[in-house]
Amino acid sequence: MAKKHQSVPVNEFDKTLAAGGSFVEKNKKAIMYGTCAVLAVIIAVVLAVQYYIKPRNLEAAESMAVAEQLFRSGDYEKALNGQGQNAGFLQIMDEYVCTPSANLARLYAGLSYAHLGKYQEAVEYLEDYSDCGDDMISNAAIGALGNCYAELGQTEKAAATLVKAAEKAGNNTLSPVYYIQAGQLFESLKQNDKARECYEKVKKNYPASPQAQEIEKFIEHLN
């Protein structure tokens, strides 16, 4: 006598899987159209980068060459606002939105305003600057922002920003400078423990830096 075939209980996972299959079968056309729509967006973005953003970035970079030269020569007003037919950093930001050159122009604008003593304007542009992937440039931007906060009397914020810049930089060129600046700000806030910590980091982590040769003076000053 043959045994009766026992039914296998269906667990919740199997039910969900089956329901999913039914959903796909019933909505195949809608899913296909939805997938095509997503692919269309992705393709549009790729085409925008290849045929719009990249050429415009090249165009922006060419426009910015004169402004960069004006910046290097110390003519910050003209670097910001342009000279004759040549665009300045402010115009480049407006005309070439969403390009790397516009982002770099934003950094230059912030630094230009800082050089002109217009620290609030400098902060606005430096805060909007996006990390460009170049550690030296990005960390210098954070350091410049910290110095602008200090000029505006935002001492605690300035010290914290400079410590951040020092930690992110992690090199003999920028880190010791930012740590010492932060330490001096902490001293002005009567936070000598934090100041000492900054100076000790220069001594311990960057002994080959020029600043390390005189760091003992800063430490002794706290005793």
C-alpha atoms as a PDB file:
ATOM      1  CA  MET A   1       0.000   0.000   0.000  1.00  0.00           C
ATOM      2  CA  ALA A   2       1.458   3.218  -1.063  1.00  0.00           C
ATOM      3  CA  LYS A   3       1.983   5.842   1.525  1.00  0.00           C
ATOM      4  CA  LYS A   4      -0.066   8.968   1.267  1.00  0.00           C
ATOM      5  CA  HIS A   5       1.985  11.921   0.033  1.00  0.00           C
ATOM      6  CA  GLN A   6       2.330  14.334   2.903  1.00  0.00           C
ATOM      7  CA  SER A   7       1.956  18.002   2.020  1.00  0.00           C
ATOM      8  CA  VAL A   8       4.949  20.152   2.872  1.00  0.00           C
ATOM      9  CA  PRO A   9       4.004  23.186   4.942  1.00  0.00           C
ATOM     10  CA  VAL A  10       4.648  26.476   3.205  1.00  0.00           C
ATOM     11  CA  ASN A  11       6.609  28.888   5.364  1.00  0.00           C
ATOM     12  CA  GLU A  12       6.234  32.653   5.347  1.00  0.00           C
ATOM     13  CA  PHE A  13       9.368  33.103   3.237  1.00  0.00           C
ATOM     14  CA  ASP A  14       7.940  30.863   0.489  1.00  0.00           C
ATOM     15  CA  LYS A  15       4.692  32.809   0.601  1.00  0.00           C
ATOM     16  CA  THR A  16       6.520  36.068   0.208  1.00  0.00           C
ATOM     17  CA  LEU A  17       8.579  34.670  -2.674  1.00  0.00           C
ATOM     18  CA  ALA A  18       5.468  33.378  -4.412  1.00  0.00           C
ATOM     19  CA  ALA A  19       3.704  36.678  -3.926  1.00  0.00           C
ATOM     20  CA  GLY A  20       6.689  38.451  -5.374  1.00  0.00           C
ATOM     21  CA  GLY A  21       6.603  36.232  -8.454  1.00  0.00           C
ATOM     22  CA  SER A  22       2.915  36.904  -8.930  1.00  0.00           C
ATOM     23  CA  PHE A  23       3.517  40.620  -8.612  1.00  0.00           C
ATOM     24  CA  VAL A  24       6.208  40.536 -11.290  1.00  0.00           C
ATOM     25  CA  GLU A  25       3.993  38.552 -13.665  1.00  0.00           C
ATOM     26  CA  LYS A  26       1.024  40.866 -13.153  1.00  0.00           C
ATOM     27  CA  ASN A  27       3.079  44.072 -13.412  1.00  0.00           C
ATOM     28  CA  LYS A  28       5.719  43.094 -15.969  1.00  0.00           C
ATOM     29  CA  LYS A  29       4.926  45.979 -18.312  1.00  0.00           C
ATOM     30  CA  ALA A  30       4.924  48.625 -15.551  1.00  0.00           C
ATOM     31  CA  ILE A  31       8.209  47.323 -14.131  1.00  0.00           C
ATOM     32  CA  MET A  32       9.796  47.355 -17.589  1.00  0.00           C
ATOM     33  CA  TYR A  33       8.744  50.963 -18.156  1.00  0.00           C
ATOM     34  CA  GLY A  34       9.972  51.922 -14.688  1.00  0.00           C
ATOM     35  CA  THR A  35      13.364  50.309 -15.312  1.00  0.00           C
ATOM     36  CA  CYS A  36      13.663  52.088 -18.640  1.00  0.00           C
ATOM     37  CA  ALA A  37      12.870  55.391 -16.945  1.00  0.00           C
ATOM     38  CA  VAL A  38      15.648  54.832 -14.393  1.00  0.00           C
ATOM     39  CA  LEU A  39      18.108  53.893 -17.141  1.00  0.00           C
ATOM     40  CA  ALA A  40      17.100  57.008 -19.065  1.00  0.00           C
ATOM     41  CA  VAL A  41      17.972  59.183 -16.066  1.00  0.00           C
ATOM     42  CA  ILE A  42      21.355  57.454 -15.631  1.00  0.00           C
ATOM     43  CA  ILE A  43      22.161  57.861 -19.322  1.00  0.00           C
ATOM     44  CA  ALA A  44      21.129  61.526 -19.189  1.00  0.00           C
ATOM     45  CA  VAL A  45      23.498  62.110 -16.277  1.00  0.00           C
ATOM     46  CA  VAL A  46      26.377  60.361 -18.065  1.00  0.00           C
ATOM     47  CA  LEU A  47      25.752  62.378 -21.220  1.00  0.00           C
ATOM     48  CA  ALA A  48      25.570  65.583 -19.194  1.00  0.00           C
ATOM     49  CA  VAL A  49      28.974  64.879 -17.671  1.00  0.00           C
ATOM     50  CA  GLN A  50      30.545  63.879 -20.990  1.00  0.00           C
ATOM     51  CA  TYR A  51      29.038  66.506 -23.274  1.00  0.00           C
ATOM     52  CA  TYR A  52      28.112  69.389 -21.006  1.00  0.00           C
ATOM     53  CA  ILE A  53      29.953  69.501 -17.696  1.00  0.00           C
ATOM     54  CA  LYS A  54      33.389  68.468 -19.000  1.00  0.00           C
ATOM     55  CA  PRO A  55      33.469  70.939 -21.928  1.00  0.00           C
ATOM     56  CA  ARG A  56      32.059  73.711 -19.737  1.00  0.00           C
ATOM     57  CA  ASN A  57      34.629  72.936 -17.078  1.00  0.00           C
ATOM     58  CA  LEU A  58      37.371  73.310 -19.692  1.00  0.00           C
ATOM     59  CA  GLU A  59      35.800  76.576 -20.823  1.00  0.00           C
ATOM     60  CA  ALA A  60      35.592  77.743 -17.210  1.00  0.00           C
ATOM     61  CA  ALA A  61      39.207  76.789 -16.536  1.00  0.00           C
ATOM     62  CA  GLU A  62      40.314  78.870 -19.503  1.00  0.00           C
ATOM     63  CA  SER A  63      38.259  81.817 -18.272  1.00  0.00           C
ATOM     64  CA  MET A  64      39.728  81.472 -14.807  1.00  0.00           C
ATOM     65  CA  ALA A  65      43.374  81.630 -15.897  1.00  0.00           C
ATOM     66  CA  VAL A  66      43.403  85.449 -15.886  1.00  0.00           C
ATOM     67  CA  ALA A  67      41.598  85.641 -12.528  1.00  0.00           C
ATOM     68  CA  GLU A  68      44.140  83.251 -11.013  1.00  0.00           C
ATOM     69  CA  GLN A  69      46.977  85.422 -12.297  1.00  0.00           C
ATOM     70  CA  LEU A  70      45.365  88.503 -10.770  1.00  0.00           C
ATOM     71  CA  PHE A  71      45.010  86.619  -7.482  1.00  0.00           C
ATOM     72  CA  ARG A  72      48.676  85.609  -7.490  1.00  0.00           C
ATOM     73  CA  SER A  73      49.690  89.211  -8.163  1.00  0.00           C
ATOM     74  CA  GLY A  74      47.622  90.413  -5.187  1.00  0.00           C
ATOM     75  CA  ASP A  75      44.944  92.253  -7.178  1.00  0.00           C
ATOM     76  CA  TYR A  76      42.080  90.631  -5.304  1.00  0.00           C
ATOM     77  CA  GLU A  77      39.309  93.048  -6.323  1.00  0.00           C
ATOM     78  CA  LYS A  78      39.929  92.416 -10.022  1.00  0.00           C
ATOM     79  CA  ALA A  79      40.366  88.704  -9.373  1.00  0.00           C
ATOM     80  CA  LEU A  80      36.881  88.687  -7.849  1.00  0.00           C
ATOM     81  CA  ASN A  81      35.089  90.989 -10.283  1.00  0.00           C
ATOM     82  CA  GLY A  82      37.039  90.507 -13.502  1.00  0.00           C
ATOM     83  CA  GLN A  83      39.034  92.800 -15.726  1.00  0.00           C
ATOM     84  CA  GLY A  84      37.694  94.018 -19.042  1.00  0.00           C
ATOM     85  CA  GLN A  85      36.454  91.035 -21.051  1.00  0.00           C
ATOM     86  CA  ASN A  86      37.979  88.599 -18.566  1.00  0.00           C
ATOM     87  CA  ALA A  87      35.625  87.089 -15.993  1.00  0.00           C
ATOM     88  CA  GLY A  88      36.391  87.152 -12.298  1.00  0.00           C
ATOM     89  CA  PHE A  89      35.782  84.376  -9.801  1.00  0.00           C
ATOM     90  CA  LEU A  90      32.263  85.597  -8.966  1.00  0.00           C
ATOM     91  CA  GLN A  91      31.119  85.551 -12.593  1.00  0.00           C
ATOM     92  CA  ILE A  92      32.736  82.158 -13.190  1.00  0.00           C
ATOM     93  CA  MET A  93      30.773  80.692 -10.282  1.00  0.00           C
ATOM     94  CA  ASP A  94      27.510  82.015 -11.743  1.00  0.00           C
ATOM     95  CA  GLU A  95      28.166  81.010 -15.346  1.00  0.00           C
ATOM     96  CA  TYR A  96      29.699  77.575 -14.814  1.00  0.00           C
ATOM     97  CA  VAL A  97      27.556  76.111 -12.051  1.00  0.00           C
ATOM     98  CA  CYS A  98      28.224  72.457 -11.144  1.00  0.00           C
ATOM     99  CA  THR A  99      31.724  72.361 -12.621  1.00  0.00           C
ATOM    100  CA  PRO A 100      34.954  71.712 -10.703  1.00  0.00           C
ATOM    101  CA  SER A 101      36.241  75.079 -11.910  1.00  0.00           C
ATOM    102  CA  ALA A 102      33.253  76.846 -10.341  1.00  0.00           C
ATOM    103  CA  ASN A 103      34.019  75.064  -7.083  1.00  0.00           C
ATOM    104  CA  LEU A 104      37.653  76.159  -7.237  1.00  0.00           C
ATOM    105  CA  ALA A 105      36.534  79.705  -8.072  1.00  0.00           C
ATOM    106  CA  ARG A 106      34.467  79.595  -4.879  1.00  0.00           C
ATOM    107  CA  LEU A 107      37.623  78.814  -2.873  1.00  0.00           C
ATOM    108  CA  TYR A 108      39.562  81.588  -4.617  1.00  0.00           C
ATOM    109  CA  ALA A 109      36.714  84.009  -3.917  1.00  0.00           C
ATOM    110  CA  GLY A 110      36.799  83.151  -0.219  1.00  0.00           C
ATOM    111  CA  LEU A 111      40.558  83.624  -0.057  1.00  0.00           C
ATOM    112  CA  SER A 112      40.301  86.901  -1.993  1.00  0.00           C
ATOM    113  CA  TYR A 113      37.745  88.288   0.448  1.00  0.00           C
ATOM    114  CA  ALA A 114      39.954  87.173   3.341  1.00  0.00           C
ATOM    115  CA  HIS A 115      42.900  89.077   1.864  1.00  0.00           C
ATOM    116  CA  LEU A 116      40.653  92.122   1.518  1.00  0.00           C
ATOM    117  CA  GLY A 117      39.677  91.879   5.188  1.00  0.00           C
ATOM    118  CA  LYS A 118      36.069  91.022   4.341  1.00  0.00           C
ATOM    119  CA  TYR A 119      35.944  88.003   6.605  1.00  0.00           C
ATOM    120  CA  GLN A 120      32.183  87.441   6.688  1.00  0.00           C
ATOM    121  CA  GLU A 121      32.072  87.210   2.899  1.00  0.00           C
ATOM    122  CA  ALA A 122      35.152  84.985   3.004  1.00  0.00           C
ATOM    123  CA  VAL A 123      33.463  82.614   5.447  1.00  0.00           C
ATOM    124  CA  GLU A 124      30.358  82.325   3.270  1.00  0.00           C
ATOM    125  CA  TYR A 125      32.370  81.195   0.254  1.00  0.00           C
ATOM    126  CA  LEU A 126      34.802  78.996   2.159  1.00  0.00           C
ATOM    127  CA  GLU A 127      31.945  77.200   3.908  1.00  0.00           C
ATOM    128  CA  ASP A 128      30.303  76.527   0.526  1.00  0.00           C
ATOM    129  CA  TYR A 129      33.493  75.165  -1.001  1.00  0.00           C
ATOM    130  CA  SER A 130      33.340  71.401  -1.579  1.00  0.00           C
ATOM    131  CA  ASP A 131      36.269  69.071  -0.933  1.00  0.00           C
ATOM    132  CA  CYS A 132      37.947  68.762  -4.324  1.00  0.00           C
ATOM    133  CA  GLY A 133      39.819  65.554  -3.549  1.00  0.00           C
ATOM    134  CA  ASP A 134      43.201  67.288  -3.363  1.00  0.00           C
ATOM    135  CA  ASP A 135      44.212  67.008   0.294  1.00  0.00           C
ATOM    136  CA  MET A 136      46.580  69.972   0.270  1.00  0.00           C
ATOM    137  CA  ILE A 137      44.023  72.343  -1.262  1.00  0.00           C
ATOM    138  CA  SER A 138      41.077  71.099   0.791  1.00  0.00           C
ATOM    139  CA  ASN A 139      42.974  71.238   4.078  1.00  0.00           C
ATOM    140  CA  ALA A 140      44.309  74.703   3.287  1.00  0.00           C
ATOM    141  CA  ALA A 141      40.697  75.773   2.705  1.00  0.00           C
ATOM    142  CA  ILE A 142      39.703  74.503   6.164  1.00  0.00           C
ATOM    143  CA  GLY A 143      42.678  76.296   7.702  1.00  0.00           C
ATOM    144  CA  ALA A 144      41.752  79.529   5.956  1.00  0.00           C
ATOM    145  CA  LEU A 145      38.195  79.156   7.241  1.00  0.00           C
ATOM    146  CA  GLY A 146      39.514  78.744  10.782  1.00  0.00           C
ATOM    147  CA  ASN A 147      41.562  81.904  10.487  1.00  0.00           C
ATOM    148  CA  CYS A 148      38.534  83.831   9.219  1.00  0.00           C
ATOM    149  CA  TYR A 149      36.490  82.653  12.199  1.00  0.00           C
ATOM    150  CA  ALA A 150      39.270  83.964  14.438  1.00  0.00           C
ATOM    151  CA  GLU A 151      39.183  87.340  12.703  1.00  0.00           C
ATOM    152  CA  LEU A 152      35.432  87.501  13.322  1.00  0.00           C
ATOM    153  CA  GLY A 153      35.937  86.830  17.019  1.00  0.00           C
ATOM    154  CA  GLN A 154      34.515  83.303  16.859  1.00  0.00           C
ATOM    155  CA  THR A 155      37.490  81.998  18.808  1.00  0.00           C
ATOM    156  CA  GLU A 156      36.237  78.595  19.942  1.00  0.00           C
ATOM    157  CA  LYS A 157      34.936  77.773  16.483  1.00  0.00           C
ATOM    158  CA  ALA A 158      38.198  78.963  14.982  1.00  0.00           C
ATOM    159  CA  ALA A 159      40.325  76.787  17.273  1.00  0.00           C
ATOM    160  CA  ALA A 160      38.205  73.699  16.610  1.00  0.00           C
ATOM    161  CA  THR A 161      38.353  74.294  12.848  1.00  0.00           C
ATOM    162  CA  LEU A 162      42.144  74.699  12.914  1.00  0.00           C
ATOM    163  CA  VAL A 163      42.532  71.472  14.888  1.00  0.00           C
ATOM    164  CA  LYS A 164      40.370  69.759  12.266  1.00  0.00           C
ATOM    165  CA  ALA A 165      42.553  71.191   9.503  1.00  0.00           C
ATOM    166  CA  ALA A 166      45.711  70.006  11.278  1.00  0.00           C
ATOM    167  CA  GLU A 167      44.360  66.499  11.776  1.00  0.00           C
ATOM    168  CA  LYS A 168      43.145  66.168   8.185  1.00  0.00           C
ATOM    169  CA  ALA A 169      46.376  67.515   6.713  1.00  0.00           C
ATOM    170  CA  GLY A 170      48.666  65.112   8.556  1.00  0.00           C
ATOM    171  CA  ASN A 171      51.858  66.561   7.090  1.00  0.00           C
ATOM    172  CA  ASN A 172      54.885  68.614   8.111  1.00  0.00           C
ATOM    173  CA  THR A 173      53.837  71.564   5.973  1.00  0.00           C
ATOM    174  CA  LEU A 174      50.362  72.457   7.251  1.00  0.00           C
ATOM    175  CA  SER A 175      49.663  70.526  10.454  1.00  0.00           C
ATOM    176  CA  PRO A 176      52.247  72.200  12.739  1.00  0.00           C
ATOM    177  CA  VAL A 177      51.113  75.658  11.600  1.00  0.00           C
ATOM    178  CA  TYR A 178      47.461  74.923  12.318  1.00  0.00           C
ATOM    179  CA  TYR A 179      48.200  73.242  15.651  1.00  0.00           C
ATOM    180  CA  ILE A 180      50.178  76.263  16.831  1.00  0.00           C
ATOM    181  CA  GLN A 181      47.470  78.662  15.670  1.00  0.00           C
ATOM    182  CA  ALA A 182      44.853  76.577  17.465  1.00  0.00           C
ATOM    183  CA  GLY A 183      47.032  76.422  20.584  1.00  0.00           C
ATOM    184  CA  GLN A 184      47.361  80.187  20.700  1.00  0.00           C
ATOM    185  CA  LEU A 185      43.603  80.571  20.370  1.00  0.00           C
ATOM    186  CA  PHE A 186      43.051  78.084  23.187  1.00  0.00           C
ATOM    187  CA  GLU A 187      45.471  80.108  25.313  1.00  0.00           C
ATOM    188  CA  SER A 188      43.418  83.240  24.672  1.00  0.00           C
ATOM    189  CA  LEU A 189      40.395  81.295  25.930  1.00  0.00           C
ATOM    190  CA  LYS A 190      42.327  80.260  29.056  1.00  0.00           C
ATOM    191  CA  GLN A 191      42.100  76.650  27.929  1.00  0.00           C
ATOM    192  CA  ASN A 192      45.739  75.857  28.530  1.00  0.00           C
ATOM    193  CA  ASP A 193      45.272  72.083  28.616  1.00  0.00           C
ATOM    194  CA  LYS A 194      43.967  72.126  25.050  1.00  0.00           C
ATOM    195  CA  ALA A 195      46.747  74.509  24.028  1.00  0.00           C
ATOM    196  CA  ARG A 196      49.367  72.185  25.520  1.00  0.00           C
ATOM    197  CA  GLU A 197      47.828  69.239  23.680  1.00  0.00           C
ATOM    198  CA  CYS A 198      48.209  71.078  20.361  1.00  0.00           C
ATOM    199  CA  TYR A 199      51.836  72.001  21.051  1.00  0.00           C
ATOM    200  CA  GLU A 200      52.691  68.479  22.203  1.00  0.00           C
ATOM    201  CA  LYS A 201      51.304  67.075  18.946  1.00  0.00           C
ATOM    202  CA  VAL A 202      53.690  69.290  17.005  1.00  0.00           C
ATOM    203  CA  LYS A 203      56.589  68.091  19.156  1.00  0.00           C
ATOM    204  CA  LYS A 204      55.647  64.402  18.970  1.00  0.00           C
ATOM    205  CA  ASN A 205      54.183  63.982  15.489  1.00  0.00           C
ATOM    206  CA  TYR A 206      56.112  66.530  13.427  1.00  0.00           C
ATOM    207  CA  PRO A 207      59.662  66.690  14.846  1.00  0.00           C
ATOM    208  CA  ALA A 208      61.126  67.377  11.397  1.00  0.00           C
ATOM    209  CA  SER A 209      59.009  70.501  10.855  1.00  0.00           C
ATOM    210  CA  PRO A 210      60.515  73.989  11.291  1.00  0.00           C
ATOM    211  CA  GLN A 211      57.865  74.752  13.926  1.00  0.00           C
ATOM    212  CA  ALA A 212      59.025  71.816  16.069  1.00  0.00           C
ATOM    213  CA  GLN A 213      62.397  73.489  16.575  1.00  0.00           C
ATOM    214  CA  GLU A 214      60.760  76.231  18.646  1.00  0.00           C
ATOM    215  CA  ILE A 215      57.776  74.396  20.087  1.00  0.00           C
ATOM    216  CA  GLU A 216      59.382  74.085  23.531  1.00  0.00           C
ATOM    217  CA  LYS A 217      59.008  77.847  23.924  1.00  0.00           C
ATOM    218  CA  PHE A 218      55.257  77.528  23.501  1.00  0.00           C
ATOM    219  CA  ILE A 219      55.102  74.657  25.980  1.00  0.00           C
ATOM    220  CA  GLU A 220      57.262  76.405  28.575  1.00  0.00           C
ATOM    221  CA  HIS A 221      55.102  79.496  28.248  1.00  0.00           C
ATOM    222  CA  LEU A 222      52.202  77.467  29.684  1.00  0.00           C
ATOM    223  CA  ASN A 223      54.123  76.419  32.837  1.00  0.00           C
END
